[in-house]
Amino acid sequence: MASDAVLKVGVAGLGFGSTEFMPTLERLPQIELVAAADSLRPHALRAFESRYGGHGYGSVEELCADPEVEAVWISTPNQFHAENAITAAEAGKHILLRKPMGVSMDECQRVLDAVERSGVKLLAGGQTQGTSPHTHAVRKVIASGELGGLRAINVWAYTGWMLRPRMPQEVDESMGGGVVWRQAPHQIETVRYLGGGLVRSVRAMTGRWRPERPDGSGYYAAYLEFEDGTPVTMVYNAYGYFDSVDLVSWGEDKGHESRAKTRKAMLAGEVDEEAGKERTRFGSPGEGSIVGGRADRPWMPGNLGVFIVSCESGDIRMSAAGMYVYDDEGMREVAVPQPGGAGMTLDSEVMELYDAIRSDKPLFHDGRWGMATAEVQWAIIESAKQRKEIMLQHQVPVPAGY
């Protein structure tokens, strides 16, 4: 039976990811923050308790033992995602799991098994631009058939991700680091949603070529082929020389000089990355300083990048206020409302899980969808290692109605 009761949520991990997600949890009247866990930052727990009146715990296990917690949002480092999700499932807690679902297919399968045994709801691999209003609007045009069938998708992202403060686990691929594990879901989730979900194969190369960041991949180029033959090209360069904001007429990259200074300081060993990272985490003075945005802020490429969708009789790309549609009549701009800002709009993900719990509505971004996205990430890395095409086995389609 449907219920509009408030969902009581516990947060596992009070790092930088929390500063991205907390505004959504605070804004939604259907959500109440009641607990948090962090094993390394007791001052963050004190800040949480002061701000929300909830309970702070030193471990995910303690958080999941709290009978007041109904659902757990997992924002711990990538290498702990699967372990923490299994702990939550075995405690009977519903789960909102950050990307990636796991850093191997075995991890993803173990999460799926635990969720199915316990009967809890899992929303997996969220917090990407694949759930933004802009992406939904593009999907609607494709699904309408007004431009004919989908023929190709191309997306390019150039950012300074590798020049920002990073902890070792953020760049080490064995721990779910580097741009493939940490950033590729923005592109993968988007193209899978637009293309119907069923990626057949992946051929890719990755790159690590900068001495200031030698331990993780800062580049990938991938060719994906869907089961129906639709091709996709995806490029991500995180080394910060060029920024794809310069590829849109309403954007201006004002960070060239600052990124150059950062690069030189890193090479000279003059950057305290732990201190820089701490300033952006939950409960720190700089919390939220590099995330969020006004609702009227124009769309920018960000971690998704500039992308062009080609259909049989037209093309689509993003505009400052929505999207440009190019067809046999010329070009028109379609406005897209963007509540909460033009970046990642996370409300829809939270409400998807809420509706699944309270009204038993089916989940779109369930564990199998999250595993399928993680499989593409894994395939990019494996294809680069083996220098061959990787055939996929765990893909699932976009559900009807989406």
Protein backbone atom coordinates (compact mmCIF):
# COMPACT_ATOMS: atom_id res chain seq x y z
CA MET A 1 0.00 0.00 0.00
CA ALA A 2 1.29 3.46 -0.88
CA SER A 3 2.60 5.61 1.96
CA ASP A 4 3.87 9.17 2.15
CA ALA A 5 5.78 8.59 5.39
CA VAL A 6 9.16 10.28 5.71
CA LEU A 7 12.09 7.99 4.86
CA LYS A 8 14.79 7.97 7.55
CA VAL A 9 18.24 7.90 5.95
CA GLY A 10 21.72 7.22 7.29
CA VAL A 11 24.82 8.43 5.46
CA ALA A 12 27.88 6.17 5.23
CA GLY A 13 30.90 8.38 4.62
CA LEU A 14 31.12 12.13 5.28
CA GLY A 15 33.73 13.07 2.70
CA PHE A 16 33.53 15.22 -0.40
CA GLY A 17 30.71 13.13 -1.85
CA SER A 18 28.49 14.18 1.02
CA THR A 19 28.84 17.83 0.04
CA GLU A 20 27.47 16.93 -3.40
CA PHE A 21 24.49 15.01 -2.10
CA MET A 22 23.48 16.61 1.21
CA PRO A 23 21.66 19.57 -0.39
CA THR A 24 19.30 17.13 -2.11
CA LEU A 25 18.61 15.18 1.08
CA GLU A 26 18.05 18.43 2.97
CA ARG A 27 15.71 19.85 0.35
CA LEU A 28 13.32 16.92 -0.02
CA PRO A 29 10.52 16.86 2.59
CA GLN A 30 10.19 13.09 2.11
CA ILE A 31 13.69 12.53 3.58
CA GLU A 32 14.97 12.84 7.16
CA LEU A 33 18.68 12.51 7.93
CA VAL A 34 18.93 10.55 11.18
CA ALA A 35 22.45 9.09 11.31
CA ALA A 36 25.91 9.11 9.75
CA ALA A 37 29.08 7.02 9.90
CA ASP A 38 32.69 8.03 9.34
CA SER A 39 35.67 6.12 10.70
CA LEU A 40 38.31 8.81 10.11
CA ARG A 41 36.73 12.23 10.79
CA PRO A 42 35.07 12.51 14.23
CA HIS A 43 34.70 16.28 13.77
CA ALA A 44 32.50 15.59 10.73
CA LEU A 45 30.28 13.39 12.88
CA ARG A 46 29.99 16.19 15.43
CA ALA A 47 29.05 18.60 12.64
CA PHE A 48 26.40 16.16 11.42
CA GLU A 49 24.93 15.73 14.90
CA SER A 50 24.87 19.49 15.44
CA ARG A 51 23.27 20.24 12.09
CA TYR A 52 20.70 17.44 11.88
CA GLY A 53 20.29 16.22 15.44
CA GLY A 54 21.10 12.69 14.31
CA HIS A 55 23.46 10.03 15.64
CA GLY A 56 27.11 9.74 14.61
CA TYR A 57 28.85 6.36 14.37
CA GLY A 58 32.45 5.29 13.87
CA SER A 59 31.64 2.45 11.48
CA VAL A 60 29.18 1.44 8.79
CA GLU A 61 28.34 -1.66 10.84
CA GLU A 62 27.20 0.50 13.78
CA LEU A 63 25.18 2.72 11.45
CA CYS A 64 23.41 -0.29 9.94
CA ALA A 65 22.59 -1.60 13.42
CA ASP A 66 20.61 1.56 14.22
CA PRO A 67 16.92 0.53 14.17
CA GLU A 68 15.84 4.08 13.25
CA VAL A 69 17.72 3.96 9.93
CA GLU A 70 15.58 2.67 7.05
CA ALA A 71 17.90 3.37 4.13
CA VAL A 72 21.64 3.96 3.80
CA TRP A 73 23.27 6.27 1.29
CA ILE A 74 26.77 4.86 0.68
CA SER A 75 29.41 7.48 -0.08
CA THR A 76 32.54 5.74 1.14
CA PRO A 77 35.63 5.32 -1.09
CA ASN A 78 35.01 3.17 -4.17
CA GLN A 79 36.89 0.13 -2.89
CA PHE A 80 34.40 -0.15 0.00
CA HIS A 81 31.16 0.28 -1.97
CA ALA A 82 30.39 -3.42 -2.39
CA GLU A 83 31.41 -4.37 1.16
CA ASN A 84 29.31 -1.59 2.68
CA ALA A 85 26.32 -2.37 0.46
CA ILE A 86 26.40 -6.01 1.53
CA THR A 87 26.57 -4.94 5.19
CA ALA A 88 23.54 -2.70 4.71
CA ALA A 89 21.57 -5.37 2.86
CA GLU A 90 22.28 -8.00 5.51
CA ALA A 91 21.03 -5.53 8.13
CA GLY A 92 17.77 -5.11 6.21
CA LYS A 93 18.47 -1.55 5.07
CA HIS A 94 17.50 -0.17 1.68
CA ILE A 95 20.46 1.24 -0.25
CA LEU A 96 21.37 4.21 -2.42
CA LEU A 97 24.84 3.32 -3.69
CA ARG A 98 27.17 5.81 -5.34
CA LYS A 99 28.94 4.97 -8.58
CA PRO A 100 30.50 2.52 -9.16
CA MET A 101 28.47 -0.37 -7.75
CA GLY A 102 31.69 -2.36 -7.42
CA VAL A 103 35.19 -2.43 -8.88
CA SER A 104 34.83 -5.93 -10.35
CA MET A 105 32.05 -8.07 -11.74
CA ASP A 106 32.45 -10.41 -8.78
CA GLU A 107 31.85 -7.56 -6.33
CA CYS A 108 28.75 -6.46 -8.23
CA GLN A 109 27.37 -10.01 -8.25
CA ARG A 110 27.90 -10.39 -4.51
CA VAL A 111 25.98 -7.16 -3.91
CA LEU A 112 23.13 -8.41 -6.13
CA ASP A 113 23.04 -11.72 -4.27
CA ALA A 114 22.91 -10.00 -0.86
CA VAL A 115 20.13 -7.65 -1.97
CA GLU A 116 18.06 -10.49 -3.41
CA ARG A 117 18.49 -12.59 -0.25
CA SER A 118 17.41 -9.75 2.02
CA GLY A 119 14.61 -8.36 -0.14
CA VAL A 120 15.74 -4.73 0.25
CA LYS A 121 15.65 -2.08 -2.48
CA LEU A 122 18.92 -1.04 -4.15
CA LEU A 123 19.42 2.02 -6.32
CA ALA A 124 22.90 1.55 -7.77
CA GLY A 125 25.46 3.70 -9.49
CA GLY A 126 23.74 7.04 -9.08
CA GLN A 127 25.02 10.62 -8.98
CA THR A 128 25.71 11.06 -12.68
CA GLN A 129 24.49 13.46 -15.32
CA GLY A 130 22.69 10.52 -16.89
CA THR A 131 19.69 11.36 -14.69
CA SER A 132 19.60 15.10 -15.45
CA PRO A 133 16.51 16.81 -16.92
CA HIS A 134 18.54 17.55 -20.06
CA THR A 135 19.28 13.87 -20.63
CA HIS A 136 15.64 12.95 -20.09
CA ALA A 137 14.62 15.61 -22.63
CA VAL A 138 17.00 14.22 -25.25
CA ARG A 139 15.74 10.69 -24.62
CA LYS A 140 12.17 11.92 -25.12
CA VAL A 141 13.02 13.32 -28.56
CA ILE A 142 14.77 10.08 -29.55
CA ALA A 143 11.88 7.93 -28.31
CA SER A 144 9.31 10.07 -30.13
CA GLY A 145 10.81 9.13 -33.49
CA GLU A 146 10.42 12.67 -34.81
CA LEU A 147 14.03 12.60 -36.04
CA GLY A 148 13.94 8.98 -37.16
CA GLY A 149 15.96 6.23 -35.56
CA LEU A 150 19.04 6.78 -33.38
CA ARG A 151 22.20 6.42 -35.47
CA ALA A 152 25.21 7.53 -33.35
CA ILE A 153 26.32 9.26 -30.13
CA ASN A 154 29.60 11.16 -29.69
CA VAL A 155 30.78 12.71 -26.43
CA TRP A 156 33.99 14.50 -25.42
CA ALA A 157 34.95 15.74 -21.94
CA TYR A 158 38.10 17.72 -21.12
CA THR A 159 38.49 18.67 -17.44
CA GLY A 160 41.12 19.37 -14.79
CA TRP A 161 40.08 16.42 -12.62
CA MET A 162 43.64 15.10 -12.22
CA LEU A 163 44.86 18.48 -10.97
CA ARG A 164 42.42 18.66 -8.07
CA PRO A 165 43.36 17.35 -4.60
CA ARG A 166 43.30 13.55 -4.73
CA MET A 167 43.85 10.80 -2.21
CA PRO A 168 45.81 7.69 -3.34
CA GLN A 169 42.64 5.59 -3.68
CA GLU A 170 41.17 8.16 -6.08
CA VAL A 171 43.84 7.49 -8.72
CA ASP A 172 44.78 3.85 -8.07
CA GLU A 173 42.74 1.63 -10.43
CA SER A 174 43.05 -1.38 -8.11
CA MET A 175 41.03 0.60 -5.55
CA GLY A 176 38.50 1.98 -8.00
CA GLY A 177 40.50 5.11 -8.84
CA GLY A 178 41.40 6.91 -12.05
CA VAL A 179 39.03 8.52 -14.53
CA VAL A 180 37.51 5.27 -15.80
CA TRP A 181 36.23 4.16 -12.40
CA ARG A 182 35.46 7.61 -11.03
CA GLN A 183 34.33 9.73 -13.99
CA ALA A 184 33.30 7.47 -16.87
CA PRO A 185 29.83 6.73 -15.41
CA HIS A 186 28.75 10.28 -16.31
CA GLN A 187 29.19 9.36 -19.96
CA ILE A 188 28.32 5.66 -19.75
CA GLU A 189 25.04 6.15 -17.86
CA THR A 190 24.03 8.88 -20.32
CA VAL A 191 24.78 6.96 -23.52
CA ARG A 192 23.27 3.72 -22.17
CA TYR A 193 20.06 5.56 -21.30
CA LEU A 194 19.89 7.34 -24.65
CA GLY A 195 20.83 4.21 -26.61
CA GLY A 196 18.49 1.77 -24.86
CA GLY A 197 20.90 0.19 -22.38
CA LEU A 198 22.21 -2.85 -24.26
CA VAL A 199 25.89 -2.32 -25.07
CA ARG A 200 27.25 -5.24 -27.08
CA SER A 201 30.98 -4.59 -26.96
CA VAL A 202 33.74 -2.15 -25.99
CA ARG A 203 37.07 -1.29 -27.59
CA ALA A 204 39.15 1.27 -25.73
CA MET A 205 42.52 2.68 -24.79
CA THR A 206 43.47 4.47 -21.58
CA GLY A 207 46.34 6.85 -20.94
CA ARG A 208 48.54 7.99 -18.08
CA TRP A 209 51.22 10.38 -19.28
CA ARG A 210 51.68 13.22 -16.81
CA PRO A 211 54.54 13.09 -14.27
CA GLU A 212 52.62 15.13 -11.68
CA ARG A 213 50.04 12.33 -11.56
CA PRO A 214 51.86 9.10 -12.57
CA ASP A 215 49.79 6.54 -10.66
CA GLY A 216 46.43 6.57 -12.40
CA SER A 217 44.80 6.86 -15.80
CA GLY A 218 43.81 10.40 -16.71
CA TYR A 219 42.51 9.65 -20.19
CA TYR A 220 40.40 7.18 -22.10
CA ALA A 221 39.00 6.87 -25.59
CA ALA A 222 36.28 4.25 -26.03
CA TYR A 223 34.20 2.88 -28.87
CA LEU A 224 30.95 1.23 -27.77
CA GLU A 225 28.61 -0.70 -30.02
CA PHE A 226 25.01 -1.31 -29.00
CA GLU A 227 23.24 -4.57 -29.83
CA ASP A 228 21.36 -2.81 -32.64
CA GLY A 229 24.63 -1.61 -34.17
CA THR A 230 24.47 2.01 -32.95
CA PRO A 231 28.04 3.30 -32.45
CA VAL A 232 29.20 5.50 -29.58
CA THR A 233 32.52 7.31 -29.14
CA MET A 234 33.49 8.56 -25.68
CA VAL A 235 36.59 10.59 -24.81
CA TYR A 236 37.65 11.87 -21.39
CA ASN A 237 40.86 13.85 -20.78
CA ALA A 238 41.39 14.97 -17.17
CA TYR A 239 44.83 16.58 -17.43
CA GLY A 240 43.56 20.15 -17.46
CA TYR A 241 45.32 21.79 -20.38
CA PHE A 242 42.05 22.32 -22.25
CA ASP A 243 38.54 22.45 -20.79
CA SER A 244 35.50 21.51 -22.85
CA VAL A 245 33.66 24.57 -21.54
CA ASP A 246 35.50 26.35 -24.37
CA LEU A 247 33.52 24.23 -26.86
CA VAL A 248 30.24 25.99 -26.04
CA SER A 249 29.61 29.58 -27.11
CA TRP A 250 28.21 30.64 -23.73
CA GLY A 251 31.16 29.24 -21.77
CA GLU A 252 34.54 30.68 -20.91
CA ASP A 253 37.37 28.78 -19.29
CA LYS A 254 38.96 31.14 -16.78
CA GLY A 255 41.14 28.50 -15.15
CA HIS A 256 44.07 28.13 -17.57
CA GLU A 257 46.56 30.04 -15.40
CA SER A 258 45.44 28.55 -12.09
CA ARG A 259 45.69 25.01 -13.46
CA ALA A 260 49.17 25.76 -14.82
CA LYS A 261 50.25 26.99 -11.38
CA THR A 262 48.81 23.88 -9.74
CA ARG A 263 50.62 21.62 -12.20
CA LYS A 264 53.96 23.31 -11.48
CA ALA A 265 53.38 23.13 -7.74
CA MET A 266 52.55 19.42 -7.95
CA LEU A 267 55.71 18.73 -9.94
CA ALA A 268 57.72 20.61 -7.30
CA GLY A 269 56.11 18.62 -4.49
CA GLU A 270 54.61 21.76 -2.98
CA VAL A 271 50.96 20.65 -2.83
CA ASP A 272 49.41 19.29 0.38
CA GLU A 273 46.67 17.21 -1.19
CA GLU A 274 45.26 15.95 2.11
CA ALA A 275 44.77 19.52 3.35
CA GLY A 276 43.27 20.57 0.03
CA LYS A 277 40.87 17.64 0.05
CA GLU A 278 39.89 18.21 3.67
CA ARG A 279 38.80 21.76 2.90
CA THR A 280 36.05 20.45 0.58
CA ARG A 281 34.71 17.66 2.82
CA PHE A 282 31.57 17.68 4.93
CA GLY A 283 31.99 19.72 8.10
CA SER A 284 35.01 21.68 6.81
CA PRO A 285 35.18 25.43 6.06
CA GLY A 286 35.13 24.92 2.29
CA GLU A 287 32.30 22.38 2.30
CA GLY A 288 30.23 22.66 -0.87
CA SER A 289 32.44 25.38 -2.33
CA ILE A 290 32.91 23.63 -5.68
CA VAL A 291 29.54 21.94 -6.11
CA GLY A 292 25.96 22.98 -6.63
CA GLY A 293 24.76 26.04 -8.48
CA ARG A 294 21.84 28.35 -9.04
CA ALA A 295 18.78 26.99 -10.77
CA ASP A 296 19.23 29.64 -13.47
CA ARG A 297 22.86 28.72 -14.14
CA PRO A 298 23.35 27.69 -17.79
CA TRP A 299 24.18 24.11 -18.68
CA MET A 300 27.92 23.44 -18.92
CA PRO A 301 29.76 20.35 -20.22
CA GLY A 302 31.33 19.41 -16.87
CA ASN A 303 32.12 15.73 -16.38
CA LEU A 304 29.69 14.65 -19.08
CA GLY A 305 31.27 16.77 -21.77
CA VAL A 306 29.93 18.04 -25.05
CA PHE A 307 27.85 15.43 -26.80
CA ILE A 308 26.03 15.18 -30.08
CA VAL A 309 23.26 12.68 -30.73
CA SER A 310 22.73 11.80 -34.39
CA CYS A 311 19.41 10.45 -35.63
CA GLU A 312 18.36 9.50 -39.15
CA SER A 313 16.92 12.97 -39.85
CA GLY A 314 18.61 15.27 -37.39
CA ASP A 315 21.03 15.94 -34.54
CA ILE A 316 20.69 17.03 -30.91
CA ARG A 317 23.11 18.78 -28.59
CA MET A 318 22.85 20.68 -25.31
CA SER A 319 22.24 24.42 -25.16
CA ALA A 320 22.63 26.88 -22.29
CA ALA A 321 18.94 26.58 -21.40
CA GLY A 322 18.11 23.13 -22.75
CA MET A 323 18.92 21.57 -26.09
CA TYR A 324 19.33 22.43 -29.75
CA VAL A 325 17.43 20.25 -32.21
CA TYR A 326 18.66 20.27 -35.82
CA ASP A 327 16.18 18.88 -38.36
CA ASP A 328 14.89 19.36 -41.91
CA GLU A 329 13.35 22.71 -40.92
CA GLY A 330 16.60 24.14 -39.56
CA MET A 331 17.54 24.50 -35.90
CA ARG A 332 15.45 25.25 -32.80
CA GLU A 333 16.21 25.54 -29.10
CA VAL A 334 14.03 23.63 -26.64
CA ALA A 335 14.06 24.93 -23.07
CA VAL A 336 14.52 22.35 -20.30
CA PRO A 337 13.54 23.25 -16.70
CA GLN A 338 16.35 22.42 -14.30
CA PRO A 339 15.21 22.52 -10.66
CA GLY A 340 18.08 22.62 -8.21
CA GLY A 341 20.69 23.77 -10.72
CA ALA A 342 22.09 22.78 -14.07
CA GLY A 343 24.57 20.18 -12.85
CA MET A 344 23.69 16.79 -11.48
CA THR A 345 20.07 16.86 -10.37
CA LEU A 346 19.82 14.14 -7.77
CA ASP A 347 16.24 14.62 -6.66
CA SER A 348 14.96 12.12 -9.21
CA GLU A 349 17.29 9.38 -7.94
CA VAL A 350 16.28 9.86 -4.32
CA MET A 351 12.60 9.92 -5.22
CA GLU A 352 13.02 6.81 -7.37
CA LEU A 353 14.24 4.91 -4.30
CA TYR A 354 11.62 6.55 -2.07
CA ASP A 355 8.78 5.51 -4.39
CA ALA A 356 10.16 1.98 -4.61
CA ILE A 357 10.20 1.68 -0.82
CA ARG A 358 6.97 3.46 0.03
CA SER A 359 4.82 2.54 -3.00
CA ASP A 360 6.61 -0.57 -4.30
CA LYS A 361 7.21 1.05 -7.68
CA PRO A 362 9.77 -0.73 -9.87
CA LEU A 363 13.29 0.67 -9.87
CA PHE A 364 14.94 1.74 -13.12
CA HIS A 365 18.47 2.20 -11.69
CA ASP A 366 18.46 -1.08 -9.79
CA GLY A 367 21.38 -3.38 -9.08
CA ARG A 368 21.39 -4.96 -12.51
CA TRP A 369 21.48 -1.54 -14.19
CA GLY A 370 24.36 -0.51 -11.92
CA MET A 371 26.23 -3.73 -12.68
CA ALA A 372 25.78 -3.16 -16.43
CA THR A 373 27.34 0.30 -16.16
CA ALA A 374 30.21 -1.07 -14.06
CA GLU A 375 30.73 -3.76 -16.70
CA VAL A 376 31.35 -1.07 -19.34
CA GLN A 377 33.89 0.58 -17.01
CA TRP A 378 35.62 -2.75 -16.43
CA ALA A 379 35.59 -3.43 -20.19
CA ILE A 380 37.29 -0.10 -20.96
CA ILE A 381 40.16 -1.03 -18.65
CA GLU A 382 40.37 -4.63 -19.90
CA SER A 383 40.22 -3.60 -23.56
CA ALA A 384 43.10 -1.19 -23.01
CA LYS A 385 45.14 -3.90 -21.28
CA GLN A 386 44.44 -6.60 -23.86
CA ARG A 387 44.22 -4.27 -26.88
CA LYS A 388 41.12 -6.01 -28.16
CA GLU A 389 37.34 -5.76 -28.26
CA ILE A 390 35.57 -6.94 -25.09
CA MET A 391 32.16 -8.59 -25.43
CA LEU A 392 29.70 -7.81 -22.63
CA GLN A 393 27.46 -10.24 -20.74
CA HIS A 394 25.56 -8.29 -18.07
CA GLN A 395 23.72 -5.58 -20.00
CA VAL A 396 20.07 -4.76 -19.35
CA PRO A 397 17.63 -2.62 -21.34
CA VAL A 398 16.08 0.70 -20.38
CA PRO A 399 12.68 -0.21 -18.87
CA ALA A 400 9.55 0.57 -20.87
CA GLY A 401 8.20 4.03 -20.19
CA TYR A 402 11.56 5.68 -19.63
